[in-house]
Amino acid sequence: MEVSESYAMSKKEIAVSFLERVASGDVRGAFKDYTGNDFRHHNPYFRGDPDSLMIAMEDNAIKNPDKRFEVKRAMADEETVAVHSYVRQNPEDAGAAVVHIFRFENGRIVELWDVGQPIPENPVNENGVF
């Protein structure tokens, strides 16, 4: 999907679509359609270039074909979007609360941060993580 002027997706829509496509296994398509040439990320487990992250995301999609990804909320402020989501590697997995922070330039994702919190089996907080 090419982002064009005739159908301009909002930055929130782009960020959510990027994550949904990555979670479903369409990693390279999501990167091609939504990231800029200068894309970089800050995940400490992989080199900061797009190829390293794409390979890791593809490996994860292959290992977890029944992954569940549910957006709980998305917020935008000018060139920054944050997406708070519930991610489970399979239906039986308790999962994690994850926040992805995107920085945009010219309508394309150029920078990505992600932080996650595993959901404990017996949480003490009665409000839950969402």
N, C-alpha and C. Protein backbone atom coordinates (compact mmCIF):
# COMPACT_ATOMS: atom_id res chain seq x y z
N MET A 1 0.85 -1.17 0.00
CA MET A 1 0.00 0.00 0.00
C MET A 1 0.89 1.23 0.00
N GLU A 2 0.72 2.04 -0.96
CA GLU A 2 1.50 3.28 -1.06
C GLU A 2 0.71 4.40 -0.39
N VAL A 3 1.35 5.13 0.48
CA VAL A 3 0.70 6.26 1.12
C VAL A 3 0.72 7.41 0.11
N SER A 4 -0.46 7.81 -0.34
CA SER A 4 -0.52 8.85 -1.37
C SER A 4 -1.31 10.04 -0.85
N GLU A 5 -1.25 11.13 -1.60
CA GLU A 5 -1.99 12.32 -1.21
C GLU A 5 -3.50 12.12 -1.37
N SER A 6 -3.92 11.22 -2.26
CA SER A 6 -5.35 11.01 -2.46
C SER A 6 -5.96 10.29 -1.26
N TYR A 7 -5.19 9.51 -0.56
CA TYR A 7 -5.67 8.86 0.65
C TYR A 7 -4.57 8.97 1.69
N ALA A 8 -4.60 10.03 2.44
CA ALA A 8 -3.56 10.26 3.44
C ALA A 8 -4.01 9.68 4.76
N MET A 9 -3.33 8.63 5.19
CA MET A 9 -3.61 8.03 6.49
C MET A 9 -3.04 8.95 7.56
N SER A 10 -3.68 8.98 8.70
CA SER A 10 -3.13 9.74 9.81
C SER A 10 -1.90 9.00 10.34
N LYS A 11 -1.07 9.70 11.08
CA LYS A 11 0.11 9.07 11.66
C LYS A 11 -0.29 7.94 12.61
N LYS A 12 -1.37 8.14 13.36
CA LYS A 12 -1.85 7.06 14.24
C LYS A 12 -2.25 5.84 13.42
N GLU A 13 -2.95 6.06 12.32
CA GLU A 13 -3.36 4.93 11.47
C GLU A 13 -2.14 4.22 10.89
N ILE A 14 -1.14 4.97 10.49
CA ILE A 14 0.08 4.36 9.94
C ILE A 14 0.78 3.53 11.01
N ALA A 15 0.94 4.10 12.20
CA ALA A 15 1.62 3.38 13.29
C ALA A 15 0.88 2.08 13.63
N VAL A 16 -0.43 2.16 13.77
CA VAL A 16 -1.22 0.97 14.10
C VAL A 16 -1.15 -0.05 12.97
N SER A 17 -1.29 0.39 11.73
CA SER A 17 -1.21 -0.52 10.59
C SER A 17 0.16 -1.19 10.51
N PHE A 18 1.21 -0.42 10.74
CA PHE A 18 2.56 -0.97 10.75
C PHE A 18 2.65 -2.11 11.76
N LEU A 19 2.20 -1.89 12.99
CA LEU A 19 2.28 -2.91 14.03
C LEU A 19 1.40 -4.12 13.71
N GLU A 20 0.20 -3.88 13.22
CA GLU A 20 -0.70 -4.99 12.87
C GLU A 20 -0.10 -5.85 11.76
N ARG A 21 0.48 -5.21 10.76
CA ARG A 21 1.07 -5.96 9.65
C ARG A 21 2.30 -6.74 10.11
N VAL A 22 3.13 -6.12 10.95
CA VAL A 22 4.31 -6.81 11.48
C VAL A 22 3.85 -8.03 12.30
N ALA A 23 2.86 -7.84 13.17
CA ALA A 23 2.38 -8.94 14.01
C ALA A 23 1.80 -10.08 13.18
N SER A 24 1.22 -9.75 12.03
CA SER A 24 0.63 -10.79 11.17
C SER A 24 1.66 -11.47 10.28
N GLY A 25 2.91 -10.97 10.29
CA GLY A 25 3.96 -11.58 9.48
C GLY A 25 4.33 -10.81 8.24
N ASP A 26 3.61 -9.74 7.92
CA ASP A 26 3.91 -8.94 6.73
C ASP A 26 4.94 -7.86 7.09
N VAL A 27 6.08 -8.32 7.57
CA VAL A 27 7.12 -7.41 8.08
C VAL A 27 7.70 -6.55 6.97
N ARG A 28 8.17 -7.17 5.90
CA ARG A 28 8.81 -6.40 4.83
C ARG A 28 7.84 -5.45 4.16
N GLY A 29 6.59 -5.86 3.99
CA GLY A 29 5.59 -4.98 3.41
C GLY A 29 5.34 -3.77 4.28
N ALA A 30 5.27 -3.97 5.59
CA ALA A 30 5.06 -2.86 6.52
C ALA A 30 6.23 -1.89 6.46
N PHE A 31 7.44 -2.41 6.45
CA PHE A 31 8.61 -1.54 6.37
C PHE A 31 8.63 -0.77 5.05
N LYS A 32 8.33 -1.47 3.95
CA LYS A 32 8.35 -0.84 2.63
C LYS A 32 7.32 0.28 2.54
N ASP A 33 6.14 0.04 3.06
CA ASP A 33 5.05 1.00 2.91
C ASP A 33 5.12 2.17 3.88
N TYR A 34 5.72 1.98 5.04
CA TYR A 34 5.58 2.99 6.08
C TYR A 34 6.86 3.62 6.62
N THR A 35 8.01 3.02 6.38
CA THR A 35 9.23 3.60 6.97
C THR A 35 9.99 4.45 5.97
N GLY A 36 10.72 5.42 6.50
CA GLY A 36 11.54 6.29 5.68
C GLY A 36 12.92 5.70 5.47
N ASN A 37 13.66 6.30 4.54
CA ASN A 37 15.01 5.82 4.21
C ASN A 37 15.97 5.87 5.39
N ASP A 38 15.74 6.80 6.30
CA ASP A 38 16.64 6.97 7.45
C ASP A 38 16.12 6.27 8.70
N PHE A 39 15.28 5.25 8.54
CA PHE A 39 14.69 4.57 9.69
C PHE A 39 15.77 4.01 10.61
N ARG A 40 15.53 4.20 11.91
CA ARG A 40 16.37 3.57 12.93
C ARG A 40 15.50 3.23 14.12
N HIS A 41 15.98 2.32 14.94
CA HIS A 41 15.21 1.90 16.12
C HIS A 41 16.14 1.80 17.33
N HIS A 42 15.53 1.62 18.50
CA HIS A 42 16.28 1.66 19.75
C HIS A 42 16.11 0.39 20.58
N ASN A 43 15.70 -0.72 19.96
CA ASN A 43 15.59 -1.98 20.69
C ASN A 43 16.99 -2.45 21.05
N PRO A 44 17.30 -2.63 22.34
CA PRO A 44 18.67 -2.92 22.75
C PRO A 44 19.16 -4.32 22.36
N TYR A 45 18.28 -5.18 21.87
CA TYR A 45 18.67 -6.55 21.55
C TYR A 45 19.10 -6.75 20.10
N PHE A 46 18.99 -5.69 19.29
CA PHE A 46 19.33 -5.79 17.87
C PHE A 46 20.08 -4.55 17.43
N ARG A 47 20.91 -4.69 16.41
CA ARG A 47 21.58 -3.51 15.84
C ARG A 47 20.51 -2.49 15.45
N GLY A 48 20.87 -1.24 15.34
CA GLY A 48 19.92 -0.16 15.12
C GLY A 48 19.44 0.05 13.70
N ASP A 49 19.86 -0.81 12.77
CA ASP A 49 19.46 -0.65 11.37
C ASP A 49 18.14 -1.37 11.09
N PRO A 50 17.46 -1.00 10.01
CA PRO A 50 16.16 -1.63 9.71
C PRO A 50 16.26 -3.12 9.42
N ASP A 51 17.30 -3.55 8.71
CA ASP A 51 17.40 -4.97 8.34
C ASP A 51 17.48 -5.89 9.56
N SER A 52 18.25 -5.50 10.56
CA SER A 52 18.37 -6.33 11.77
C SER A 52 17.01 -6.49 12.45
N LEU A 53 16.25 -5.40 12.55
CA LEU A 53 14.94 -5.47 13.18
C LEU A 53 13.96 -6.26 12.33
N MET A 54 13.99 -6.08 11.01
CA MET A 54 13.09 -6.83 10.13
C MET A 54 13.33 -8.33 10.26
N ILE A 55 14.58 -8.75 10.26
CA ILE A 55 14.91 -10.17 10.38
C ILE A 55 14.40 -10.72 11.71
N ALA A 56 14.61 -9.99 12.79
CA ALA A 56 14.14 -10.43 14.10
C ALA A 56 12.61 -10.53 14.13
N MET A 57 11.92 -9.56 13.52
CA MET A 57 10.46 -9.58 13.48
C MET A 57 9.95 -10.73 12.62
N GLU A 58 10.62 -11.01 11.51
CA GLU A 58 10.24 -12.15 10.66
C GLU A 58 10.45 -13.46 11.40
N ASP A 59 11.58 -13.60 12.08
CA ASP A 59 11.84 -14.81 12.87
C ASP A 59 10.76 -15.01 13.93
N ASN A 60 10.38 -13.92 14.60
CA ASN A 60 9.35 -14.01 15.63
C ASN A 60 8.01 -14.44 15.02
N ALA A 61 7.68 -13.90 13.85
CA ALA A 61 6.41 -14.26 13.19
C ALA A 61 6.39 -15.73 12.79
N ILE A 62 7.54 -16.26 12.35
CA ILE A 62 7.62 -17.67 11.97
C ILE A 62 7.47 -18.55 13.21
N LYS A 63 8.14 -18.18 14.30
CA LYS A 63 8.09 -18.97 15.54
C LYS A 63 6.75 -18.86 16.24
N ASN A 64 6.00 -17.81 15.99
CA ASN A 64 4.74 -17.56 16.68
C ASN A 64 3.62 -17.24 15.69
N PRO A 65 3.21 -18.24 14.88
CA PRO A 65 2.20 -17.97 13.86
C PRO A 65 0.82 -17.62 14.42
N ASP A 66 0.58 -17.93 15.71
CA ASP A 66 -0.72 -17.63 16.32
C ASP A 66 -0.64 -16.41 17.24
N LYS A 67 0.31 -15.52 16.97
CA LYS A 67 0.49 -14.32 17.78
C LYS A 67 -0.81 -13.51 17.82
N ARG A 68 -1.06 -12.93 18.98
CA ARG A 68 -2.21 -12.06 19.17
C ARG A 68 -1.70 -10.64 19.44
N PHE A 69 -2.26 -9.69 18.75
CA PHE A 69 -1.86 -8.29 18.91
C PHE A 69 -3.12 -7.45 19.00
N GLU A 70 -3.30 -6.74 20.09
CA GLU A 70 -4.50 -5.94 20.30
C GLU A 70 -4.11 -4.53 20.75
N VAL A 71 -4.47 -3.55 19.96
CA VAL A 71 -4.21 -2.16 20.32
C VAL A 71 -5.21 -1.75 21.40
N LYS A 72 -4.69 -1.19 22.46
CA LYS A 72 -5.54 -0.70 23.55
C LYS A 72 -5.79 0.80 23.41
N ARG A 73 -4.75 1.54 22.99
CA ARG A 73 -4.90 2.97 22.77
C ARG A 73 -3.75 3.47 21.92
N ALA A 74 -3.99 4.55 21.20
CA ALA A 74 -2.96 5.20 20.39
C ALA A 74 -3.11 6.70 20.56
N MET A 75 -1.98 7.38 20.69
CA MET A 75 -1.97 8.82 20.91
C MET A 75 -0.99 9.47 19.95
N ALA A 76 -1.34 10.63 19.46
CA ALA A 76 -0.45 11.35 18.54
C ALA A 76 -0.23 12.77 19.03
N ASP A 77 0.99 13.23 18.86
CA ASP A 77 1.35 14.61 19.17
C ASP A 77 2.34 15.07 18.11
N GLU A 78 1.82 15.80 17.14
CA GLU A 78 2.62 16.28 16.01
C GLU A 78 3.32 15.12 15.30
N GLU A 79 4.64 15.01 15.43
CA GLU A 79 5.40 13.99 14.69
C GLU A 79 5.65 12.72 15.51
N THR A 80 4.99 12.60 16.66
CA THR A 80 5.21 11.45 17.53
C THR A 80 3.89 10.72 17.77
N VAL A 81 3.94 9.39 17.71
CA VAL A 81 2.77 8.55 17.99
C VAL A 81 3.19 7.49 18.99
N ALA A 82 2.34 7.22 19.98
CA ALA A 82 2.55 6.14 20.93
C ALA A 82 1.38 5.17 20.82
N VAL A 83 1.70 3.88 20.77
CA VAL A 83 0.67 2.84 20.68
C VAL A 83 0.88 1.90 21.86
N HIS A 84 -0.15 1.77 22.70
CA HIS A 84 -0.15 0.89 23.87
C HIS A 84 -0.93 -0.36 23.46
N SER A 85 -0.31 -1.52 23.57
CA SER A 85 -0.97 -2.72 23.07
C SER A 85 -0.73 -3.93 23.96
N TYR A 86 -1.55 -4.94 23.73
CA TYR A 86 -1.48 -6.22 24.42
C TYR A 86 -0.96 -7.22 23.40
N VAL A 87 0.19 -7.81 23.69
CA VAL A 87 0.83 -8.74 22.77
C VAL A 87 0.97 -10.10 23.44
N ARG A 88 0.49 -11.13 22.75
CA ARG A 88 0.67 -12.51 23.21
C ARG A 88 1.29 -13.31 22.07
N GLN A 89 2.31 -14.07 22.38
CA GLN A 89 2.99 -14.85 21.35
C GLN A 89 2.13 -16.02 20.86
N ASN A 90 1.18 -16.47 21.70
CA ASN A 90 0.22 -17.50 21.33
C ASN A 90 -1.00 -17.33 22.24
N PRO A 91 -2.12 -17.98 21.94
CA PRO A 91 -3.35 -17.76 22.71
C PRO A 91 -3.22 -18.10 24.20
N GLU A 92 -2.33 -19.01 24.56
CA GLU A 92 -2.18 -19.41 25.96
C GLU A 92 -1.23 -18.50 26.75
N ASP A 93 -0.48 -17.68 26.05
CA ASP A 93 0.52 -16.79 26.66
C ASP A 93 -0.18 -15.68 27.44
N ALA A 94 0.29 -15.41 28.67
CA ALA A 94 -0.26 -14.29 29.45
C ALA A 94 0.05 -12.97 28.76
N GLY A 95 1.17 -12.91 28.06
CA GLY A 95 1.49 -11.76 27.23
C GLY A 95 2.18 -10.63 27.96
N ALA A 96 2.19 -9.50 27.26
CA ALA A 96 2.87 -8.32 27.76
C ALA A 96 2.12 -7.07 27.32
N ALA A 97 2.24 -6.05 28.15
CA ALA A 97 1.78 -4.72 27.77
C ALA A 97 2.98 -4.06 27.09
N VAL A 98 2.79 -3.56 25.88
CA VAL A 98 3.90 -3.00 25.11
C VAL A 98 3.52 -1.60 24.65
N VAL A 99 4.50 -0.71 24.70
CA VAL A 99 4.33 0.63 24.16
C VAL A 99 5.37 0.82 23.06
N HIS A 100 4.89 1.16 21.88
CA HIS A 100 5.76 1.52 20.75
C HIS A 100 5.64 3.02 20.56
N ILE A 101 6.76 3.69 20.45
CA ILE A 101 6.79 5.13 20.21
C ILE A 101 7.42 5.35 18.84
N PHE A 102 6.70 6.05 17.98
CA PHE A 102 7.14 6.31 16.61
C PHE A 102 7.44 7.79 16.43
N ARG A 103 8.50 8.08 15.70
CA ARG A 103 8.75 9.45 15.27
C ARG A 103 8.63 9.48 13.75
N PHE A 104 7.90 10.46 13.25
CA PHE A 104 7.63 10.59 11.82
C PHE A 104 8.37 11.78 11.22
N GLU A 105 8.71 11.66 9.96
CA GLU A 105 9.16 12.78 9.12
C GLU A 105 8.50 12.60 7.77
N ASN A 106 7.88 13.65 7.28
CA ASN A 106 7.23 13.62 5.96
C ASN A 106 6.27 12.44 5.82
N GLY A 107 5.53 12.14 6.88
CA GLY A 107 4.52 11.09 6.83
C GLY A 107 5.06 9.67 6.90
N ARG A 108 6.35 9.51 7.15
CA ARG A 108 6.95 8.17 7.21
C ARG A 108 7.60 7.96 8.57
N ILE A 109 7.60 6.71 9.02
CA ILE A 109 8.23 6.35 10.29
C ILE A 109 9.74 6.39 10.11
N VAL A 110 10.43 7.18 10.93
CA VAL A 110 11.88 7.26 10.83
C VAL A 110 12.58 6.81 12.10
N GLU A 111 11.81 6.64 13.19
CA GLU A 111 12.45 6.21 14.43
C GLU A 111 11.41 5.46 15.27
N LEU A 112 11.90 4.42 15.98
CA LEU A 112 11.00 3.57 16.75
C LEU A 112 11.65 3.16 18.06
N TRP A 113 10.89 3.31 19.14
CA TRP A 113 11.28 2.82 20.45
C TRP A 113 10.20 1.82 20.88
N ASP A 114 10.57 0.80 21.67
CA ASP A 114 9.57 -0.10 22.21
C ASP A 114 9.96 -0.51 23.62
N VAL A 115 8.97 -0.51 24.50
CA VAL A 115 9.16 -0.94 25.88
C VAL A 115 8.03 -1.90 26.22
N GLY A 116 8.36 -2.93 27.00
CA GLY A 116 7.36 -3.93 27.33
C GLY A 116 7.39 -4.31 28.79
N GLN A 117 6.25 -4.77 29.26
CA GLN A 117 6.08 -5.20 30.64
C GLN A 117 5.33 -6.53 30.62
N PRO A 118 6.00 -7.62 31.03
CA PRO A 118 5.29 -8.90 31.09
C PRO A 118 4.11 -8.81 32.05
N ILE A 119 3.03 -9.47 31.70
CA ILE A 119 1.87 -9.48 32.58
C ILE A 119 2.05 -10.64 33.56
N PRO A 120 2.15 -10.34 34.87
CA PRO A 120 2.38 -11.40 35.85
C PRO A 120 1.17 -12.31 36.00
N GLU A 121 1.44 -13.53 36.42
CA GLU A 121 0.37 -14.51 36.61
C GLU A 121 -0.62 -14.05 37.68
N ASN A 122 -0.11 -13.49 38.75
CA ASN A 122 -0.95 -13.02 39.86
C ASN A 122 -0.65 -11.56 40.16
N PRO A 123 -1.17 -10.65 39.36
CA PRO A 123 -0.87 -9.23 39.61
C PRO A 123 -1.46 -8.75 40.93
N VAL A 124 -0.72 -7.89 41.58
CA VAL A 124 -1.19 -7.32 42.84
C VAL A 124 -2.15 -6.16 42.58
N ASN A 125 -1.90 -5.38 41.54
CA ASN A 125 -2.71 -4.20 41.25
C ASN A 125 -4.08 -4.61 40.71
N GLU A 126 -5.13 -4.21 41.40
CA GLU A 126 -6.50 -4.58 41.03
C GLU A 126 -6.98 -3.88 39.76
N ASN A 127 -6.23 -2.85 39.28
CA ASN A 127 -6.64 -2.13 38.08
C ASN A 127 -6.19 -2.80 36.79
N GLY A 128 -5.29 -3.75 36.87
CA GLY A 128 -4.77 -4.41 35.68
C GLY A 128 -3.79 -3.53 34.93
N VAL A 129 -3.19 -4.04 33.90
CA VAL A 129 -2.19 -3.28 33.16
C VAL A 129 -2.81 -2.44 32.04
N PHE A 130 -4.08 -2.64 31.76
CA PHE A 130 -4.72 -1.88 30.70
C PHE A 130 -5.85 -1.04 31.26
